[in-house]
Amino acid sequence: MVKFSSKLLELPCFADNISVAKKMQLIEESDWNDINVVYTFYCFLKNKILDQGEIPNCIHGLIYKLLMKSQQVEILELLNKDFCNGLLQDNNTQFHQYYIELQNLLLHDSFLEADKLTSRMLCLMANVKVRNWLYFSDISNITPKELEMLDNLWKIYSKGKFGFSIQRQIWLNNNQNWDVLWQKLGWQKNNVLCRYPEEFIWTLLAPTGHLPLSNQLRGVQTLKALFNLKIWK
């Protein structure tokens, strides 16, 4: 068993006076081969999520991703003990196993499969059983808490790039112009809808808000109903 330093390191990424983007850069540039650096990140995560009860964000998601990718056996054992469900601490939902599956896909950057699962989960949440897409009238059947958790998982494990709330903010920032939104999200090329799945980008190199996808062929009413939910306001 490795003996950790009794004094946690003062890492520059923990400073309060730097942007989220800079923090994530510094986190990625940290020495992940140094067991004491890795242990410091573990302690930070445990303190924020378990001790203080903070809602996980993209900083926590990035740290958790990198901790899981580290080859430090002692740290992985601590994670398995304290974060057996990853950053999902609320298992009081009938969709818990789906969230666990989605989290694992996002954790490993399997964005295509995560997108497919998200579509399936939305139908289940809306109690739609006879088709694999939603009408705008189905959106109100989704419990706000479930939708928020779904959206948060996408944000947490994408460095804050993906999620319905991210797409909504881009829509609002562009006067709710759908044509501009499609261009910003990278869902159209030369005013032509991208072909699924080959013309979409299934990595973090995609434009902000690129994922999860929504079917434009059925118009904008479903996505508009989702964007207009009170949970985002």
C-alpha atoms as a PDB file:
ATOM      1  CA  MET A   1       0.000   0.000   0.000  1.00  0.00           C
ATOM      2  CA  VAL A   2       1.361   3.391  -1.002  1.00  0.00           C
ATOM      3  CA  LYS A   3       1.695   5.899   1.810  1.00  0.00           C
ATOM      4  CA  PHE A   4       0.102   9.182   0.831  1.00  0.00           C
ATOM      5  CA  SER A   5       1.495  12.519   1.906  1.00  0.00           C
ATOM      6  CA  SER A   6      -0.156  13.724   5.106  1.00  0.00           C
ATOM      7  CA  LYS A   7      -0.335  17.240   3.646  1.00  0.00           C
ATOM      8  CA  LEU A   8      -2.479  17.710   0.587  1.00  0.00           C
ATOM      9  CA  LEU A   9      -0.829  19.555  -2.271  1.00  0.00           C
ATOM     10  CA  GLU A  10      -1.751  23.123  -3.124  1.00  0.00           C
ATOM     11  CA  LEU A  11      -2.643  22.630  -6.773  1.00  0.00           C
ATOM     12  CA  PRO A  12      -3.000  25.765  -8.965  1.00  0.00           C
ATOM     13  CA  CYS A  13      -6.250  24.479 -10.503  1.00  0.00           C
ATOM     14  CA  PHE A  14      -7.992  24.946  -7.130  1.00  0.00           C
ATOM     15  CA  ALA A  15      -7.518  28.729  -7.187  1.00  0.00           C
ATOM     16  CA  ASP A  16     -10.769  30.717  -7.105  1.00  0.00           C
ATOM     17  CA  ASN A  17      -9.602  33.517  -9.387  1.00  0.00           C
ATOM     18  CA  ILE A  18      -9.309  31.522 -12.619  1.00  0.00           C
ATOM     19  CA  SER A  19     -11.936  30.553 -15.171  1.00  0.00           C
ATOM     20  CA  VAL A  20     -13.516  27.136 -15.461  1.00  0.00           C
ATOM     21  CA  ALA A  21     -11.784  26.618 -18.815  1.00  0.00           C
ATOM     22  CA  LYS A  22      -8.395  27.421 -17.247  1.00  0.00           C
ATOM     23  CA  LYS A  23      -9.097  25.116 -14.304  1.00  0.00           C
ATOM     24  CA  MET A  24      -9.850  22.241 -16.650  1.00  0.00           C
ATOM     25  CA  GLN A  25      -6.674  22.931 -18.600  1.00  0.00           C
ATOM     26  CA  LEU A  26      -4.584  22.905 -15.421  1.00  0.00           C
ATOM     27  CA  ILE A  27      -6.297  19.725 -14.205  1.00  0.00           C
ATOM     28  CA  GLU A  28      -5.429  17.925 -17.438  1.00  0.00           C
ATOM     29  CA  GLU A  29      -1.857  19.220 -17.314  1.00  0.00           C
ATOM     30  CA  SER A  30      -1.308  17.984 -13.743  1.00  0.00           C
ATOM     31  CA  ASP A  31       1.125  15.148 -13.067  1.00  0.00           C
ATOM     32  CA  TRP A  32      -1.233  12.177 -13.041  1.00  0.00           C
ATOM     33  CA  ASN A  33       1.699   9.832 -12.481  1.00  0.00           C
ATOM     34  CA  ASP A  34       2.341  11.363  -9.049  1.00  0.00           C
ATOM     35  CA  ILE A  35       0.349   9.385  -6.478  1.00  0.00           C
ATOM     36  CA  ASN A  36       0.111  12.368  -4.123  1.00  0.00           C
ATOM     37  CA  VAL A  37      -1.270  14.602  -6.872  1.00  0.00           C
ATOM     38  CA  VAL A  38      -3.840  11.934  -7.723  1.00  0.00           C
ATOM     39  CA  TYR A  39      -4.721  11.488  -4.050  1.00  0.00           C
ATOM     40  CA  THR A  40      -5.206  15.240  -3.687  1.00  0.00           C
ATOM     41  CA  PHE A  41      -7.702  15.197  -6.553  1.00  0.00           C
ATOM     42  CA  TYR A  42      -9.510  12.255  -4.963  1.00  0.00           C
ATOM     43  CA  CYS A  43      -9.755  14.124  -1.640  1.00  0.00           C
ATOM     44  CA  PHE A  44     -11.034  17.223  -3.435  1.00  0.00           C
ATOM     45  CA  LEU A  45     -13.748  15.171  -5.144  1.00  0.00           C
ATOM     46  CA  LYS A  46     -14.741  13.381  -1.945  1.00  0.00           C
ATOM     47  CA  ASN A  47     -14.903  16.627   0.006  1.00  0.00           C
ATOM     48  CA  LYS A  48     -17.016  18.466  -2.567  1.00  0.00           C
ATOM     49  CA  ILE A  49     -19.429  15.682  -3.527  1.00  0.00           C
ATOM     50  CA  LEU A  50     -19.744  13.469  -0.443  1.00  0.00           C
ATOM     51  CA  ASP A  51     -18.914  15.775   2.454  1.00  0.00           C
ATOM     52  CA  GLN A  52     -20.340  19.087   1.218  1.00  0.00           C
ATOM     53  CA  GLY A  53     -23.053  17.594  -0.993  1.00  0.00           C
ATOM     54  CA  GLU A  54     -22.306  19.733  -4.020  1.00  0.00           C
ATOM     55  CA  ILE A  55     -24.121  18.918  -7.244  1.00  0.00           C
ATOM     56  CA  PRO A  56     -21.481  17.482  -9.609  1.00  0.00           C
ATOM     57  CA  ASN A  57     -20.313  19.779 -12.382  1.00  0.00           C
ATOM     58  CA  CYS A  58     -17.897  19.557 -15.309  1.00  0.00           C
ATOM     59  CA  ILE A  59     -14.868  20.125 -13.053  1.00  0.00           C
ATOM     60  CA  HIS A  60     -15.838  17.161 -10.892  1.00  0.00           C
ATOM     61  CA  GLY A  61     -16.593  15.129 -14.013  1.00  0.00           C
ATOM     62  CA  LEU A  62     -13.179  15.780 -15.530  1.00  0.00           C
ATOM     63  CA  ILE A  63     -11.401  14.906 -12.279  1.00  0.00           C
ATOM     64  CA  TYR A  64     -13.435  11.716 -11.902  1.00  0.00           C
ATOM     65  CA  LYS A  65     -12.672  10.733 -15.511  1.00  0.00           C
ATOM     66  CA  LEU A  66      -8.957  11.233 -15.030  1.00  0.00           C
ATOM     67  CA  LEU A  67      -8.968   9.448 -11.678  1.00  0.00           C
ATOM     68  CA  MET A  68     -10.652   6.454 -13.294  1.00  0.00           C
ATOM     69  CA  LYS A  69      -8.086   6.482 -16.101  1.00  0.00           C
ATOM     70  CA  SER A  70      -5.186   6.627 -13.677  1.00  0.00           C
ATOM     71  CA  GLN A  71      -3.427   3.347 -13.045  1.00  0.00           C
ATOM     72  CA  GLN A  72      -3.172   3.996  -9.313  1.00  0.00           C
ATOM     73  CA  VAL A  73      -4.679   0.865  -7.752  1.00  0.00           C
ATOM     74  CA  GLU A  74      -5.097   2.459  -4.317  1.00  0.00           C
ATOM     75  CA  ILE A  75      -7.062   5.366  -5.776  1.00  0.00           C
ATOM     76  CA  LEU A  76      -9.274   3.075  -7.843  1.00  0.00           C
ATOM     77  CA  GLU A  77     -10.079   1.115  -4.694  1.00  0.00           C
ATOM     78  CA  LEU A  78     -11.084   4.319  -2.911  1.00  0.00           C
ATOM     79  CA  LEU A  79     -13.264   5.343  -5.851  1.00  0.00           C
ATOM     80  CA  ASN A  80     -14.968   1.957  -5.962  1.00  0.00           C
ATOM     81  CA  LYS A  81     -15.709   2.249  -2.260  1.00  0.00           C
ATOM     82  CA  ASP A  82     -16.842   5.875  -2.065  1.00  0.00           C
ATOM     83  CA  PHE A  83     -18.196   6.378  -5.584  1.00  0.00           C
ATOM     84  CA  CYS A  84     -19.664   2.976  -6.404  1.00  0.00           C
ATOM     85  CA  ASN A  85     -22.256   4.700  -8.597  1.00  0.00           C
ATOM     86  CA  GLY A  86     -19.793   7.198 -10.029  1.00  0.00           C
ATOM     87  CA  LEU A  87     -20.895  10.772  -9.459  1.00  0.00           C
ATOM     88  CA  LEU A  88     -24.535   9.658  -9.298  1.00  0.00           C
ATOM     89  CA  GLN A  89     -25.384   9.757  -5.613  1.00  0.00           C
ATOM     90  CA  ASP A  90     -29.183   9.728  -5.928  1.00  0.00           C
ATOM     91  CA  ASN A  91     -30.442   6.225  -6.709  1.00  0.00           C
ATOM     92  CA  ASN A  92     -34.051   6.980  -5.763  1.00  0.00           C
ATOM     93  CA  THR A  93     -35.338   6.730  -9.321  1.00  0.00           C
ATOM     94  CA  GLN A  94     -36.832   3.979 -11.427  1.00  0.00           C
ATOM     95  CA  PHE A  95     -34.337   4.847 -14.165  1.00  0.00           C
ATOM     96  CA  HIS A  96     -31.270   4.420 -11.971  1.00  0.00           C
ATOM     97  CA  GLN A  97     -29.762   1.572 -13.991  1.00  0.00           C
ATOM     98  CA  TYR A  98     -30.212   3.554 -17.190  1.00  0.00           C
ATOM     99  CA  TYR A  99     -28.383   6.495 -15.625  1.00  0.00           C
ATOM    100  CA  ILE A 100     -25.549   4.193 -14.594  1.00  0.00           C
ATOM    101  CA  GLU A 101     -25.313   2.866 -18.159  1.00  0.00           C
ATOM    102  CA  LEU A 102     -25.385   6.389 -19.610  1.00  0.00           C
ATOM    103  CA  GLN A 103     -22.752   7.561 -17.145  1.00  0.00           C
ATOM    104  CA  ASN A 104     -20.431   4.712 -18.138  1.00  0.00           C
ATOM    105  CA  LEU A 105     -20.844   5.504 -21.826  1.00  0.00           C
ATOM    106  CA  LEU A 106     -20.140   9.203 -21.302  1.00  0.00           C
ATOM    107  CA  LEU A 107     -17.250   8.402 -18.980  1.00  0.00           C
ATOM    108  CA  HIS A 108     -15.571   6.518 -21.835  1.00  0.00           C
ATOM    109  CA  ASP A 109     -16.513   9.114 -24.489  1.00  0.00           C
ATOM    110  CA  SER A 110     -18.847   6.645 -26.236  1.00  0.00           C
ATOM    111  CA  PHE A 111     -21.017   9.515 -27.400  1.00  0.00           C
ATOM    112  CA  LEU A 112     -22.834   7.748 -30.244  1.00  0.00           C
ATOM    113  CA  GLU A 113     -24.078   5.000 -27.933  1.00  0.00           C
ATOM    114  CA  ALA A 114     -24.829   7.568 -25.226  1.00  0.00           C
ATOM    115  CA  ASP A 115     -26.958   9.518 -27.700  1.00  0.00           C
ATOM    116  CA  LYS A 116     -28.926   6.394 -28.663  1.00  0.00           C
ATOM    117  CA  LEU A 117     -29.498   5.558 -24.999  1.00  0.00           C
ATOM    118  CA  THR A 118     -30.609   9.126 -24.273  1.00  0.00           C
ATOM    119  CA  SER A 119     -33.292   8.902 -26.968  1.00  0.00           C
ATOM    120  CA  ARG A 120     -34.510   5.624 -25.501  1.00  0.00           C
ATOM    121  CA  MET A 121     -34.521   7.044 -21.967  1.00  0.00           C
ATOM    122  CA  LEU A 122     -36.553  10.086 -23.005  1.00  0.00           C
ATOM    123  CA  CYS A 123     -39.236   7.826 -24.457  1.00  0.00           C
ATOM    124  CA  LEU A 124     -39.299   5.734 -21.297  1.00  0.00           C
ATOM    125  CA  MET A 125     -39.510   8.846 -19.123  1.00  0.00           C
ATOM    126  CA  ALA A 126     -42.415  10.126 -21.200  1.00  0.00           C
ATOM    127  CA  ASN A 127     -44.089   6.684 -21.017  1.00  0.00           C
ATOM    128  CA  VAL A 128     -43.949   6.330 -24.810  1.00  0.00           C
ATOM    129  CA  LYS A 129     -43.962   2.636 -25.704  1.00  0.00           C
ATOM    130  CA  VAL A 130     -45.187   2.383 -29.289  1.00  0.00           C
ATOM    131  CA  ARG A 131     -42.571   4.558 -31.024  1.00  0.00           C
ATOM    132  CA  ASN A 132     -38.951   5.627 -30.579  1.00  0.00           C
ATOM    133  CA  TRP A 133     -39.439   9.366 -30.878  1.00  0.00           C
ATOM    134  CA  LEU A 134     -41.340  12.083 -29.002  1.00  0.00           C
ATOM    135  CA  TYR A 135     -44.148  14.433 -29.960  1.00  0.00           C
ATOM    136  CA  PHE A 136     -44.114  17.876 -28.359  1.00  0.00           C
ATOM    137  CA  SER A 137     -47.057  16.824 -26.204  1.00  0.00           C
ATOM    138  CA  ASP A 138     -44.951  14.035 -24.671  1.00  0.00           C
ATOM    139  CA  ILE A 139     -42.421  16.427 -23.141  1.00  0.00           C
ATOM    140  CA  SER A 140     -44.706  17.495 -20.290  1.00  0.00           C
ATOM    141  CA  ASN A 141     -44.916  13.854 -19.153  1.00  0.00           C
ATOM    142  CA  ILE A 142     -41.215  13.778 -18.254  1.00  0.00           C
ATOM    143  CA  THR A 143     -40.498  14.385 -14.579  1.00  0.00           C
ATOM    144  CA  PRO A 144     -38.300  17.513 -14.254  1.00  0.00           C
ATOM    145  CA  LYS A 145     -35.917  15.769 -11.856  1.00  0.00           C
ATOM    146  CA  GLU A 146     -35.277  12.963 -14.355  1.00  0.00           C
ATOM    147  CA  LEU A 147     -34.634  15.373 -17.206  1.00  0.00           C
ATOM    148  CA  GLU A 148     -32.292  17.481 -15.083  1.00  0.00           C
ATOM    149  CA  MET A 149     -30.288  14.405 -14.123  1.00  0.00           C
ATOM    150  CA  LEU A 150     -30.055  13.361 -17.764  1.00  0.00           C
ATOM    151  CA  ASP A 151     -28.912  16.821 -18.804  1.00  0.00           C
ATOM    152  CA  ASN A 152     -26.419  17.053 -15.936  1.00  0.00           C
ATOM    153  CA  LEU A 153     -24.746  13.784 -16.904  1.00  0.00           C
ATOM    154  CA  TRP A 154     -24.115  15.092 -20.402  1.00  0.00           C
ATOM    155  CA  LYS A 155     -22.651  18.335 -19.037  1.00  0.00           C
ATOM    156  CA  ILE A 156     -20.595  16.673 -16.298  1.00  0.00           C
ATOM    157  CA  TYR A 157     -18.788  14.267 -18.624  1.00  0.00           C
ATOM    158  CA  SER A 158     -18.335  16.554 -21.643  1.00  0.00           C
ATOM    159  CA  LYS A 159     -16.432  19.400 -19.981  1.00  0.00           C
ATOM    160  CA  GLY A 160     -19.676  21.360 -20.050  1.00  0.00           C
ATOM    161  CA  LYS A 161     -19.975  21.209 -23.858  1.00  0.00           C
ATOM    162  CA  PHE A 162     -23.030  18.980 -24.342  1.00  0.00           C
ATOM    163  CA  GLY A 163     -26.559  18.916 -22.967  1.00  0.00           C
ATOM    164  CA  PHE A 164     -30.066  20.228 -23.602  1.00  0.00           C
ATOM    165  CA  SER A 165     -29.523  23.247 -21.355  1.00  0.00           C
ATOM    166  CA  ILE A 166     -26.396  24.138 -23.348  1.00  0.00           C
ATOM    167  CA  GLN A 167     -28.377  23.938 -26.601  1.00  0.00           C
ATOM    168  CA  ARG A 168     -31.157  26.039 -25.081  1.00  0.00           C
ATOM    169  CA  GLN A 169     -28.748  28.781 -24.059  1.00  0.00           C
ATOM    170  CA  ILE A 170     -27.332  28.953 -27.592  1.00  0.00           C
ATOM    171  CA  TRP A 171     -30.910  29.173 -28.910  1.00  0.00           C
ATOM    172  CA  LEU A 172     -31.710  32.046 -26.530  1.00  0.00           C
ATOM    173  CA  ASN A 173     -28.454  33.827 -27.319  1.00  0.00           C
ATOM    174  CA  ASN A 174     -29.426  33.830 -31.000  1.00  0.00           C
ATOM    175  CA  ASN A 175     -32.966  35.215 -30.589  1.00  0.00           C
ATOM    176  CA  GLN A 176     -34.517  31.744 -30.742  1.00  0.00           C
ATOM    177  CA  ASN A 177     -33.575  31.473 -34.410  1.00  0.00           C
ATOM    178  CA  TRP A 178     -33.684  27.790 -35.336  1.00  0.00           C
ATOM    179  CA  ASP A 179     -31.675  28.126 -38.542  1.00  0.00           C
ATOM    180  CA  VAL A 180     -28.853  29.828 -36.643  1.00  0.00           C
ATOM    181  CA  LEU A 181     -29.080  27.170 -33.930  1.00  0.00           C
ATOM    182  CA  TRP A 182     -28.650  24.316 -36.441  1.00  0.00           C
ATOM    183  CA  GLN A 183     -25.545  26.008 -37.807  1.00  0.00           C
ATOM    184  CA  LYS A 184     -24.112  26.697 -34.342  1.00  0.00           C
ATOM    185  CA  LEU A 185     -24.686  23.116 -33.229  1.00  0.00           C
ATOM    186  CA  GLY A 186     -23.192  21.728 -36.435  1.00  0.00           C
ATOM    187  CA  TRP A 187     -26.380  19.897 -37.379  1.00  0.00           C
ATOM    188  CA  GLN A 188     -26.470  21.393 -40.864  1.00  0.00           C
ATOM    189  CA  LYS A 189     -23.884  21.876 -43.586  1.00  0.00           C
ATOM    190  CA  ASN A 190     -24.624  24.401 -46.336  1.00  0.00           C
ATOM    191  CA  ASN A 191     -28.241  24.542 -45.104  1.00  0.00           C
ATOM    192  CA  VAL A 192     -28.633  20.773 -45.555  1.00  0.00           C
ATOM    193  CA  LEU A 193     -29.341  18.485 -42.609  1.00  0.00           C
ATOM    194  CA  CYS A 194     -26.403  16.297 -41.666  1.00  0.00           C
ATOM    195  CA  ARG A 195     -26.765  12.608 -42.404  1.00  0.00           C
ATOM    196  CA  TYR A 196     -26.985  10.342 -39.378  1.00  0.00           C
ATOM    197  CA  PRO A 197     -24.661   9.101 -38.026  1.00  0.00           C
ATOM    198  CA  GLU A 198     -21.693   9.664 -40.345  1.00  0.00           C
ATOM    199  CA  GLU A 199     -21.893  13.458 -40.624  1.00  0.00           C
ATOM    200  CA  PHE A 200     -22.211  14.116 -36.911  1.00  0.00           C
ATOM    201  CA  ILE A 201     -19.176  14.398 -34.635  1.00  0.00           C
ATOM    202  CA  TRP A 202     -18.986  11.849 -31.846  1.00  0.00           C
ATOM    203  CA  THR A 203     -16.059  13.333 -29.925  1.00  0.00           C
ATOM    204  CA  LEU A 204     -15.351  16.368 -27.746  1.00  0.00           C
ATOM    205  CA  LEU A 205     -14.039  18.075 -30.889  1.00  0.00           C
ATOM    206  CA  ALA A 206     -17.674  18.684 -31.853  1.00  0.00           C
ATOM    207  CA  PRO A 207     -19.151  22.204 -31.606  1.00  0.00           C
ATOM    208  CA  THR A 208     -20.568  23.239 -28.253  1.00  0.00           C
ATOM    209  CA  GLY A 209     -24.090  21.854 -27.897  1.00  0.00           C
ATOM    210  CA  HIS A 210     -23.640  19.320 -30.708  1.00  0.00           C
ATOM    211  CA  LEU A 211     -25.027  16.495 -28.549  1.00  0.00           C
ATOM    212  CA  PRO A 212     -27.444  14.994 -27.688  1.00  0.00           C
ATOM    213  CA  LEU A 213     -29.245  15.031 -31.028  1.00  0.00           C
ATOM    214  CA  SER A 214     -32.878  15.856 -31.731  1.00  0.00           C
ATOM    215  CA  ASN A 215     -34.751  14.818 -34.858  1.00  0.00           C
ATOM    216  CA  GLN A 216     -35.209  17.910 -37.053  1.00  0.00           C
ATOM    217  CA  LEU A 217     -37.200  16.000 -39.679  1.00  0.00           C
ATOM    218  CA  ARG A 218     -40.297  16.285 -37.487  1.00  0.00           C
ATOM    219  CA  GLY A 219     -39.931  20.037 -37.057  1.00  0.00           C
ATOM    220  CA  VAL A 220     -38.991  22.097 -34.029  1.00  0.00           C
ATOM    221  CA  GLN A 221     -42.053  21.733 -31.797  1.00  0.00           C
ATOM    222  CA  THR A 222     -40.658  18.932 -29.632  1.00  0.00           C
ATOM    223  CA  LEU A 223     -37.349  20.660 -28.997  1.00  0.00           C
ATOM    224  CA  LYS A 224     -39.136  23.952 -28.425  1.00  0.00           C
ATOM    225  CA  ALA A 225     -41.361  22.310 -25.816  1.00  0.00           C
ATOM    226  CA  LEU A 226     -38.254  20.953 -24.104  1.00  0.00           C
ATOM    227  CA  PHE A 227     -36.489  24.339 -24.189  1.00  0.00           C
ATOM    228  CA  ASN A 228     -39.554  26.058 -22.729  1.00  0.00           C
ATOM    229  CA  LEU A 229     -39.763  23.862 -19.639  1.00  0.00           C
ATOM    230  CA  LYS A 230     -39.643  25.788 -16.364  1.00  0.00           C
ATOM    231  CA  ILE A 231     -36.754  23.710 -15.029  1.00  0.00           C
ATOM    232  CA  TRP A 232     -34.272  25.702 -17.132  1.00  0.00           C
ATOM    233  CA  LYS A 233     -35.481  29.090 -15.887  1.00  0.00           C
END
